[in-house]
Each structure stands twice: as C-alpha cells, then as structure tokens.
Amino acid sequence: MTSTIDSANPPDDPPVTREEVIRLVAECMDLDVGDLPGGTEDLIDHGLHSVGVMQFVSACRQRGIDVELAELSRSPTMDDWWRLLSERQRTRTA
C-alpha cells in the first residue's frame, strides 16, 4: 500500500479536507478509517504514539501547513486537529 503521508505535495495544492486528515490519522495509527475513534476521543488513549504524531506533522508540513508536535499532543482529538489545520489553512491563504 502506498502511503499518502510519504507523498510530497506542494503548498499550492488544494486545501486538505477533513476526509484526508482522517485518512492520514488512520495511516499514522495503522488502522482502517472505520476503526478510528470518534472525533472527540483522545487519539493517544486509542494507541496513537509519538512517532505517529510526528508522521502526521510531516504530512501537514509537506502540504504547507505548519503544525508542531507539542500543539497536536496537547489536544489529540480528530475534531481539535481538524480545527487547528482548518485555521492554519485559512491563514496560509489569507
């Protein structure tokens, strides 16, 4: 299986969608999308480890979205990560 995390996408690509974020998180957790915890559940409590978070950070940066490991670790839920990435994308294009 080819990982979307490993593919370099220039910052001028279309904005990252929530569905893409979900796929990236699933890859980082080595899960099928359907097996991910709910949007408000703590991803770390469900098995996401620091290496997975670093993979996610790398994938975001490849898409031109600057996020830090520490800020993702402070609030490790799908909903919070999507809010953060959405805000960063808005400020990137503004």
Protein backbone atom coordinates (compact mmCIF):
# COMPACT_ATOMS: atom_id res chain seq x y z
CA MET A 1 0.00 0.00 0.00
CA THR A 2 1.34 3.43 -0.94
CA SER A 3 1.20 5.91 1.92
CA THR A 4 -0.28 9.33 1.25
CA ILE A 5 1.89 10.53 4.12
CA ASP A 6 5.05 9.88 2.13
CA SER A 7 3.95 11.72 -0.97
CA ALA A 8 5.24 15.27 -1.15
CA ASN A 9 2.54 17.77 -2.03
CA PRO A 10 3.49 21.35 -2.75
CA PRO A 11 1.83 24.07 -0.68
CA ASP A 12 -0.16 25.31 -3.68
CA ASP A 13 -2.20 22.10 -3.77
CA PRO A 14 -5.90 22.38 -2.85
CA PRO A 15 -6.63 22.66 0.87
CA VAL A 16 -6.53 19.48 2.93
CA THR A 17 -10.01 18.10 3.52
CA ARG A 18 -11.34 16.57 6.71
CA GLU A 19 -11.53 13.23 4.91
CA GLU A 20 -7.83 13.47 4.02
CA VAL A 21 -6.97 14.26 7.64
CA ILE A 22 -8.95 11.21 8.74
CA ARG A 23 -7.05 9.02 6.24
CA LEU A 24 -3.71 10.43 7.42
CA VAL A 25 -4.54 9.78 11.06
CA ALA A 26 -5.66 6.25 10.21
CA GLU A 27 -2.33 5.63 8.46
CA CYS A 28 -0.41 7.03 11.43
CA MET A 29 -2.31 4.70 13.73
CA ASP A 30 -2.09 1.75 11.31
CA LEU A 31 -5.89 1.44 11.36
CA ASP A 32 -8.66 1.34 8.81
CA VAL A 33 -10.63 4.58 8.69
CA GLY A 34 -13.68 2.80 10.09
CA ASP A 35 -11.72 1.72 13.15
CA LEU A 36 -10.71 5.24 14.23
CA PRO A 37 -12.10 6.60 17.49
CA GLY A 38 -14.78 9.28 17.40
CA GLY A 39 -13.94 12.92 16.75
CA THR A 40 -13.82 13.92 20.42
CA GLU A 41 -11.96 10.87 21.70
CA ASP A 42 -8.29 11.09 22.68
CA LEU A 43 -6.23 9.53 19.88
CA ILE A 44 -3.32 8.77 22.23
CA ASP A 45 -5.64 6.83 24.54
CA HIS A 46 -6.57 4.78 21.46
CA GLY A 47 -3.00 3.89 20.51
CA LEU A 48 -1.55 6.87 18.63
CA HIS A 49 2.12 7.12 19.60
CA SER A 50 4.63 9.95 19.26
CA VAL A 51 6.08 8.54 16.04
CA GLY A 52 2.61 8.59 14.52
CA VAL A 53 2.11 12.20 15.58
CA MET A 54 5.49 13.07 14.02
CA GLN A 55 4.39 11.38 10.78
CA PHE A 56 1.23 13.48 10.84
CA VAL A 57 3.25 16.67 11.43
CA SER A 58 5.48 15.78 8.49
CA ALA A 59 2.49 15.16 6.22
CA CYS A 60 0.99 18.51 7.19
CA ARG A 61 4.24 20.33 6.55
CA GLN A 62 4.54 18.67 3.14
CA ARG A 63 1.18 20.24 2.37
CA GLY A 64 2.40 23.65 3.56
CA ILE A 65 0.58 23.58 6.91
CA ASP A 66 2.88 24.44 9.79
CA VAL A 67 1.94 22.49 12.93
CA GLU A 68 4.03 21.38 15.87
CA LEU A 69 4.15 18.06 17.70
CA ALA A 70 3.56 19.79 21.04
CA GLU A 71 0.38 21.57 19.96
CA LEU A 72 -1.10 18.41 18.48
CA SER A 73 -0.20 16.46 21.62
CA ARG A 74 -1.97 18.99 23.86
CA SER A 75 -5.33 18.19 22.33
CA PRO A 76 -5.12 14.87 20.47
CA THR A 77 -8.61 14.51 19.07
CA MET A 78 -9.68 14.38 15.45
CA ASP A 79 -12.01 17.34 15.92
CA ASP A 80 -9.32 19.52 17.52
CA TRP A 81 -6.73 18.62 14.91
CA TRP A 82 -9.19 19.42 12.12
CA ARG A 83 -9.98 22.80 13.72
CA LEU A 84 -6.28 23.61 14.01
CA LEU A 85 -5.50 22.57 10.43
CA SER A 86 -8.51 24.45 9.09
CA GLU A 87 -7.37 27.61 10.85
CA ARG A 88 -3.79 27.21 9.62
CA GLN A 89 -5.02 26.71 6.05
CA ARG A 90 -7.16 29.86 6.25
CA THR A 91 -4.23 31.94 7.49
CA ARG A 92 -1.94 30.38 4.86
CA THR A 93 -4.20 31.52 2.03
CA ALA A 94 -5.11 34.90 3.51
